[in-house]
Amino acid sequence: MMGVARGRLAVSLDVLTDALAMVGQHGVYCTSNRNPAVPALDLQFVLSQITGAKELIQSVMQELESQKKP
């Protein structure tokens, strides 16, 4: 429906979304010693990297969409 490249990117985006949810759930139980209201620093880093990867995939999908239009 979206083409091979965009389809693969969409699946990658779904996998990253699932990973983001799992790490987020883990962050509820693994909190920072300094501030129990936020996840531990290593989880914050993982969350930011997954979010960055999702944004990159979304930008590539938008670029592919704009190239498709005449």
PDB file of N, CA and C in Angstrom:
ATOM      1  N   MET A   1       0.821  -1.194   0.000  1.00  0.00           N
ATOM      2  CA  MET A   1       0.000   0.000   0.000  1.00  0.00           C
ATOM      3  C   MET A   1       0.869   1.265   0.000  1.00  0.00           C
ATOM      4  N   MET A   2       1.934   1.260   0.801  1.00  0.00           N
ATOM      5  CA  MET A   2       2.792   2.439   0.888  1.00  0.00           C
ATOM      6  C   MET A   2       4.076   2.253   0.095  1.00  0.00           C
ATOM      7  N   GLY A   3       4.270   1.100  -0.474  1.00  0.00           N
ATOM      8  CA  GLY A   3       5.528   0.802  -1.152  1.00  0.00           C
ATOM      9  C   GLY A   3       6.472   0.073  -0.208  1.00  0.00           C
ATOM     10  N   VAL A   4       7.448  -0.572  -0.780  1.00  0.00           N
ATOM     11  CA  VAL A   4       8.361  -1.401   0.010  1.00  0.00           C
ATOM     12  C   VAL A   4       9.155  -0.570   1.022  1.00  0.00           C
ATOM     13  N   ALA A   5       9.773   0.500   0.557  1.00  0.00           N
ATOM     14  CA  ALA A   5      10.620   1.300   1.456  1.00  0.00           C
ATOM     15  C   ALA A   5       9.810   1.920   2.591  1.00  0.00           C
ATOM     16  N   ARG A   6       8.698   2.556   2.261  1.00  0.00           N
ATOM     17  CA  ARG A   6       7.888   3.189   3.306  1.00  0.00           C
ATOM     18  C   ARG A   6       7.254   2.146   4.219  1.00  0.00           C
ATOM     19  N   GLY A   7       6.921   0.996   3.672  1.00  0.00           N
ATOM     20  CA  GLY A   7       6.364  -0.081   4.491  1.00  0.00           C
ATOM     21  C   GLY A   7       7.367  -0.580   5.515  1.00  0.00           C
ATOM     22  N   ARG A   8       8.603  -0.750   5.081  1.00  0.00           N
ATOM     23  CA  ARG A   8       9.652  -1.185   6.011  1.00  0.00           C
ATOM     24  C   ARG A   8       9.915  -0.127   7.072  1.00  0.00           C
ATOM     25  N   LEU A   9       9.903   1.127   6.659  1.00  0.00           N
ATOM     26  CA  LEU A   9      10.081   2.202   7.639  1.00  0.00           C
ATOM     27  C   LEU A   9       8.923   2.239   8.632  1.00  0.00           C
ATOM     28  N   ALA A  10       7.719   1.985   8.146  1.00  0.00           N
ATOM     29  CA  ALA A  10       6.549   1.979   9.035  1.00  0.00           C
ATOM     30  C   ALA A  10       6.650   0.856  10.061  1.00  0.00           C
ATOM     31  N   VAL A  11       7.121  -0.318   9.630  1.00  0.00           N
ATOM     32  CA  VAL A  11       7.301  -1.431  10.570  1.00  0.00           C
ATOM     33  C   VAL A  11       8.388  -1.086  11.581  1.00  0.00           C
ATOM     34  N   SER A  12       9.465  -0.475  11.119  1.00  0.00           N
ATOM     35  CA  SER A  12      10.530  -0.049  12.039  1.00  0.00           C
ATOM     36  C   SER A  12      10.002   0.945  13.059  1.00  0.00           C
ATOM     37  N   LEU A  13       9.158   1.846  12.604  1.00  0.00           N
ATOM     38  CA  LEU A  13       8.557   2.829  13.500  1.00  0.00           C
ATOM     39  C   LEU A  13       7.683   2.145  14.548  1.00  0.00           C
ATOM     40  N   ASP A  14       6.940   1.131  14.150  1.00  0.00           N
ATOM     41  CA  ASP A  14       6.126   0.379  15.100  1.00  0.00           C
ATOM     42  C   ASP A  14       6.985  -0.341  16.138  1.00  0.00           C
ATOM     43  N   VAL A  15       8.084  -0.932  15.689  1.00  0.00           N
ATOM     44  CA  VAL A  15       8.979  -1.636  16.613  1.00  0.00           C
ATOM     45  C   VAL A  15       9.581  -0.652  17.619  1.00  0.00           C
ATOM     46  N   LEU A  16       9.992   0.513  17.136  1.00  0.00           N
ATOM     47  CA  LEU A  16      10.548   1.522  18.042  1.00  0.00           C
ATOM     48  C   LEU A  16       9.488   2.030  19.021  1.00  0.00           C
ATOM     49  N   THR A  17       8.264   2.161  18.559  1.00  0.00           N
ATOM     50  CA  THR A  17       7.182   2.591  19.446  1.00  0.00           C
ATOM     51  C   THR A  17       6.960   1.567  20.547  1.00  0.00           C
ATOM     52  N   ASP A  18       6.988   0.288  20.194  1.00  0.00           N
ATOM     53  CA  ASP A  18       6.847  -0.772  21.199  1.00  0.00           C
ATOM     54  C   ASP A  18       8.005  -0.737  22.196  1.00  0.00           C
ATOM     55  N   ALA A  19       9.221  -0.534  21.695  1.00  0.00           N
ATOM     56  CA  ALA A  19      10.384  -0.454  22.581  1.00  0.00           C
ATOM     57  C   ALA A  19      10.273   0.749  23.506  1.00  0.00           C
ATOM     58  N   LEU A  20       9.802   1.854  22.971  1.00  0.00           N
ATOM     59  CA  LEU A  20       9.620   3.056  23.773  1.00  0.00           C
ATOM     60  C   LEU A  20       8.623   2.809  24.903  1.00  0.00           C
ATOM     61  N   ALA A  21       7.557   2.101  24.602  1.00  0.00           N
ATOM     62  CA  ALA A  21       6.555   1.790  25.626  1.00  0.00           C
ATOM     63  C   ALA A  21       7.130   0.871  26.701  1.00  0.00           C
ATOM     64  N   MET A  22       7.906  -0.128  26.290  1.00  0.00           N
ATOM     65  CA  MET A  22       8.487  -1.052  27.270  1.00  0.00           C
ATOM     66  C   MET A  22       9.505  -0.365  28.169  1.00  0.00           C
ATOM     67  N   VAL A  23      10.350   0.463  27.579  1.00  0.00           N
ATOM     68  CA  VAL A  23      11.334   1.194  28.383  1.00  0.00           C
ATOM     69  C   VAL A  23      10.620   2.177  29.306  1.00  0.00           C
ATOM     70  N   GLY A  24       9.573   2.800  28.809  1.00  0.00           N
ATOM     71  CA  GLY A  24       8.794   3.712  29.638  1.00  0.00           C
ATOM     72  C   GLY A  24       8.169   3.014  30.831  1.00  0.00           C
ATOM     73  N   GLN A  25       7.654   1.806  30.614  1.00  0.00           N
ATOM     74  CA  GLN A  25       7.085   1.039  31.726  1.00  0.00           C
ATOM     75  C   GLN A  25       8.167   0.660  32.731  1.00  0.00           C
ATOM     76  N   HIS A  26       9.328   0.293  32.230  1.00  0.00           N
ATOM     77  CA  HIS A  26      10.437  -0.053  33.124  1.00  0.00           C
ATOM     78  C   HIS A  26      10.858   1.169  33.935  1.00  0.00           C
ATOM     79  N   GLY A  27      10.753   2.352  33.332  1.00  0.00           N
ATOM     80  CA  GLY A  27      11.129   3.585  34.017  1.00  0.00           C
ATOM     81  C   GLY A  27      10.278   3.879  35.236  1.00  0.00           C
ATOM     82  N   VAL A  28       9.077   3.322  35.276  1.00  0.00           N
ATOM     83  CA  VAL A  28       8.212   3.504  36.444  1.00  0.00           C
ATOM     84  C   VAL A  28       8.834   2.846  37.671  1.00  0.00           C
ATOM     85  N   TYR A  29       9.500   1.717  37.456  1.00  0.00           N
ATOM     86  CA  TYR A  29      10.079   0.961  38.566  1.00  0.00           C
ATOM     87  C   TYR A  29      11.548   1.280  38.798  1.00  0.00           C
ATOM     88  N   CYS A  30      12.213   1.800  37.809  1.00  0.00           N
ATOM     89  CA  CYS A  30      13.642   2.096  37.911  1.00  0.00           C
ATOM     90  C   CYS A  30      13.815   3.611  37.862  1.00  0.00           C
ATOM     91  N   THR A  31      13.698   4.244  39.013  1.00  0.00           N
ATOM     92  CA  THR A  31      13.713   5.702  39.073  1.00  0.00           C
ATOM     93  C   THR A  31      15.080   6.227  39.493  1.00  0.00           C
ATOM     94  N   SER A  32      15.273   7.498  39.257  1.00  0.00           N
ATOM     95  CA  SER A  32      16.507   8.179  39.633  1.00  0.00           C
ATOM     96  C   SER A  32      16.614   8.273  41.147  1.00  0.00           C
ATOM     97  N   ASN A  33      17.830   8.111  41.651  1.00  0.00           N
ATOM     98  CA  ASN A  33      18.037   8.248  43.096  1.00  0.00           C
ATOM     99  C   ASN A  33      17.854   9.687  43.550  1.00  0.00           C
ATOM    100  N   ARG A  34      18.225  10.633  42.691  1.00  0.00           N
ATOM    101  CA  ARG A  34      18.114  12.048  43.044  1.00  0.00           C
ATOM    102  C   ARG A  34      16.688  12.547  42.955  1.00  0.00           C
ATOM    103  N   ASN A  35      15.954  12.070  41.937  1.00  0.00           N
ATOM    104  CA  ASN A  35      14.586  12.534  41.735  1.00  0.00           C
ATOM    105  C   ASN A  35      13.711  11.335  41.377  1.00  0.00           C
ATOM    106  N   PRO A  36      13.010  10.779  42.345  1.00  0.00           N
ATOM    107  CA  PRO A  36      12.198   9.588  42.099  1.00  0.00           C
ATOM    108  C   PRO A  36      11.051   9.808  41.097  1.00  0.00           C
ATOM    109  N   ALA A  37      10.802  11.041  40.713  1.00  0.00           N
ATOM    110  CA  ALA A  37       9.717  11.320  39.771  1.00  0.00           C
ATOM    111  C   ALA A  37      10.123  11.075  38.311  1.00  0.00           C
ATOM    112  N   VAL A  38      11.429  10.860  38.057  1.00  0.00           N
ATOM    113  CA  VAL A  38      11.908  10.654  36.688  1.00  0.00           C
ATOM    114  C   VAL A  38      12.639   9.311  36.603  1.00  0.00           C
ATOM    115  N   PRO A  39      12.716   8.743  35.393  1.00  0.00           N
ATOM    116  CA  PRO A  39      13.451   7.478  35.232  1.00  0.00           C
ATOM    117  C   PRO A  39      14.943   7.669  35.496  1.00  0.00           C
ATOM    118  N   ALA A  40      15.627   6.562  35.726  1.00  0.00           N
ATOM    119  CA  ALA A  40      17.078   6.590  35.922  1.00  0.00           C
ATOM    120  C   ALA A  40      17.748   7.185  34.681  1.00  0.00           C
ATOM    121  N   LEU A  41      18.948   7.707  34.869  1.00  0.00           N
ATOM    122  CA  LEU A  41      19.646   8.391  33.781  1.00  0.00           C
ATOM    123  C   LEU A  41      19.858   7.500  32.561  1.00  0.00           C
ATOM    124  N   ASP A  42      20.184   6.228  32.762  1.00  0.00           N
ATOM    125  CA  ASP A  42      20.396   5.360  31.612  1.00  0.00           C
ATOM    126  C   ASP A  42      19.099   5.162  30.826  1.00  0.00           C
ATOM    127  N   LEU A  43      17.980   5.077  31.530  1.00  0.00           N
ATOM    128  CA  LEU A  43      16.695   4.952  30.838  1.00  0.00           C
ATOM    129  C   LEU A  43      16.321   6.246  30.122  1.00  0.00           C
ATOM    130  N   GLN A  44      16.658   7.379  30.720  1.00  0.00           N
ATOM    131  CA  GLN A  44      16.403   8.652  30.048  1.00  0.00           C
ATOM    132  C   GLN A  44      17.166   8.721  28.733  1.00  0.00           C
ATOM    133  N   PHE A  45      18.411   8.232  28.740  1.00  0.00           N
ATOM    134  CA  PHE A  45      19.224   8.223  27.528  1.00  0.00           C
ATOM    135  C   PHE A  45      18.607   7.313  26.469  1.00  0.00           C
ATOM    136  N   VAL A  46      18.202   6.113  26.869  1.00  0.00           N
ATOM    137  CA  VAL A  46      17.588   5.170  25.924  1.00  0.00           C
ATOM    138  C   VAL A  46      16.300   5.764  25.355  1.00  0.00           C
ATOM    139  N   LEU A  47      15.489   6.361  26.206  1.00  0.00           N
ATOM    140  CA  LEU A  47      14.244   6.978  25.736  1.00  0.00           C
ATOM    141  C   LEU A  47      14.523   8.090  24.726  1.00  0.00           C
ATOM    142  N   SER A  48      15.528   8.911  24.996  1.00  0.00           N
ATOM    143  CA  SER A  48      15.835  10.000  24.064  1.00  0.00           C
ATOM    144  C   SER A  48      16.368   9.467  22.736  1.00  0.00           C
ATOM    145  N   GLN A  49      17.158   8.399  22.765  1.00  0.00           N
ATOM    146  CA  GLN A  49      17.692   7.824  21.540  1.00  0.00           C
ATOM    147  C   GLN A  49      16.591   7.170  20.701  1.00  0.00           C
ATOM    148  N   ILE A  50      15.678   6.474  21.343  1.00  0.00           N
ATOM    149  CA  ILE A  50      14.563   5.865  20.610  1.00  0.00           C
ATOM    150  C   ILE A  50      13.675   6.949  20.015  1.00  0.00           C
ATOM    151  N   THR A  51      13.419   7.991  20.778  1.00  0.00           N
ATOM    152  CA  THR A  51      12.612   9.108  20.269  1.00  0.00           C
ATOM    153  C   THR A  51      13.299   9.753  19.068  1.00  0.00           C
ATOM    154  N   GLY A  52      14.607   9.937  19.135  1.00  0.00           N
ATOM    155  CA  GLY A  52      15.358  10.496  18.019  1.00  0.00           C
ATOM    156  C   GLY A  52      15.301   9.609  16.782  1.00  0.00           C
ATOM    157  N   ALA A  53      15.394   8.301  16.983  1.00  0.00           N
ATOM    158  CA  ALA A  53      15.316   7.365  15.862  1.00  0.00           C
ATOM    159  C   ALA A  53      13.928   7.405  15.221  1.00  0.00           C
ATOM    160  N   LYS A  54      12.903   7.506  16.047  1.00  0.00           N
ATOM    161  CA  LYS A  54      11.538   7.613  15.510  1.00  0.00           C
ATOM    162  C   LYS A  54      11.379   8.883  14.686  1.00  0.00           C
ATOM    163  N   GLU A  55      11.903   9.987  15.180  1.00  0.00           N
ATOM    164  CA  GLU A  55      11.805  11.253  14.446  1.00  0.00           C
ATOM    165  C   GLU A  55      12.547  11.174  13.114  1.00  0.00           C
ATOM    166  N   LEU A  56      13.696  10.495  13.113  1.00  0.00           N
ATOM    167  CA  LEU A  56      14.462  10.329  11.879  1.00  0.00           C
ATOM    168  C   LEU A  56      13.669   9.509  10.863  1.00  0.00           C
ATOM    169  N   ILE A  57      13.079   8.427  11.294  1.00  0.00           N
ATOM    170  CA  ILE A  57      12.270   7.592  10.393  1.00  0.00           C
ATOM    171  C   ILE A  57      11.082   8.379   9.859  1.00  0.00           C
ATOM    172  N   GLN A  58      10.434   9.130  10.729  1.00  0.00           N
ATOM    173  CA  GLN A  58       9.296   9.934  10.280  1.00  0.00           C
ATOM    174  C   GLN A  58       9.719  10.964   9.238  1.00  0.00           C
ATOM    175  N   SER A  59      10.892  11.560   9.426  1.00  0.00           N
ATOM    176  CA  SER A  59      11.352  12.552   8.451  1.00  0.00           C
ATOM    177  C   SER A  59      11.674  11.894   7.111  1.00  0.00           C
ATOM    178  N   VAL A  60      12.228  10.688   7.141  1.00  0.00           N
ATOM    179  CA  VAL A  60      12.509   9.969   5.898  1.00  0.00           C
ATOM    180  C   VAL A  60      11.206   9.616   5.191  1.00  0.00           C
ATOM    181  N   MET A  61      10.213   9.180   5.951  1.00  0.00           N
ATOM    182  CA  MET A  61       8.919   8.854   5.349  1.00  0.00           C
ATOM    183  C   MET A  61       8.290  10.097   4.713  1.00  0.00           C
ATOM    184  N   GLN A  62       8.401  11.241   5.360  1.00  0.00           N
ATOM    185  CA  GLN A  62       7.876  12.479   4.797  1.00  0.00           C
ATOM    186  C   GLN A  62       8.632  12.872   3.533  1.00  0.00           C
ATOM    187  N   GLU A  63       9.944  12.673   3.539  1.00  0.00           N
ATOM    188  CA  GLU A  63      10.754  12.975   2.360  1.00  0.00           C
ATOM    189  C   GLU A  63      10.368  12.078   1.185  1.00  0.00           C
ATOM    190  N   LEU A  64      10.165  10.794   1.472  1.00  0.00           N
ATOM    191  CA  LEU A  64       9.744   9.871   0.415  1.00  0.00           C
ATOM    192  C   LEU A  64       8.370  10.272  -0.129  1.00  0.00           C
ATOM    193  N   GLU A  65       7.504  10.720   0.742  1.00  0.00           N
ATOM    194  CA  GLU A  65       6.160  11.152   0.316  1.00  0.00           C
ATOM    195  C   GLU A  65       6.247  12.399  -0.564  1.00  0.00           C
ATOM    196  N   SER A  66       7.115  13.328  -0.185  1.00  0.00           N
ATOM    197  CA  SER A  66       7.238  14.553  -0.975  1.00  0.00           C
ATOM    198  C   SER A  66       7.880  14.281  -2.334  1.00  0.00           C
ATOM    199  N   GLN A  67       8.768  13.302  -2.415  1.00  0.00           N
ATOM    200  CA  GLN A  67       9.375  12.933  -3.694  1.00  0.00           C
ATOM    201  C   GLN A  67       8.377  12.248  -4.615  1.00  0.00           C
ATOM    202  N   LYS A  68       7.397  11.591  -4.005  1.00  0.00           N
ATOM    203  CA  LYS A  68       6.391  10.868  -4.778  1.00  0.00           C
ATOM    204  C   LYS A  68       5.430  11.803  -5.483  1.00  0.00           C
ATOM    205  N   LYS A  69       5.156  12.952  -4.876  1.00  0.00           N
ATOM    206  CA  LYS A  69       4.223  13.910  -5.448  1.00  0.00           C
ATOM    207  C   LYS A  69       4.897  14.683  -6.586  1.00  0.00           C
ATOM    208  N   PRO A  70       4.170  14.937  -7.686  1.00  0.00           N
ATOM    209  CA  PRO A  70       4.776  15.672  -8.799  1.00  0.00           C
ATOM    210  C   PRO A  70       4.945  17.146  -8.523  1.00  0.00           C
TER     211      PRO A  70
END
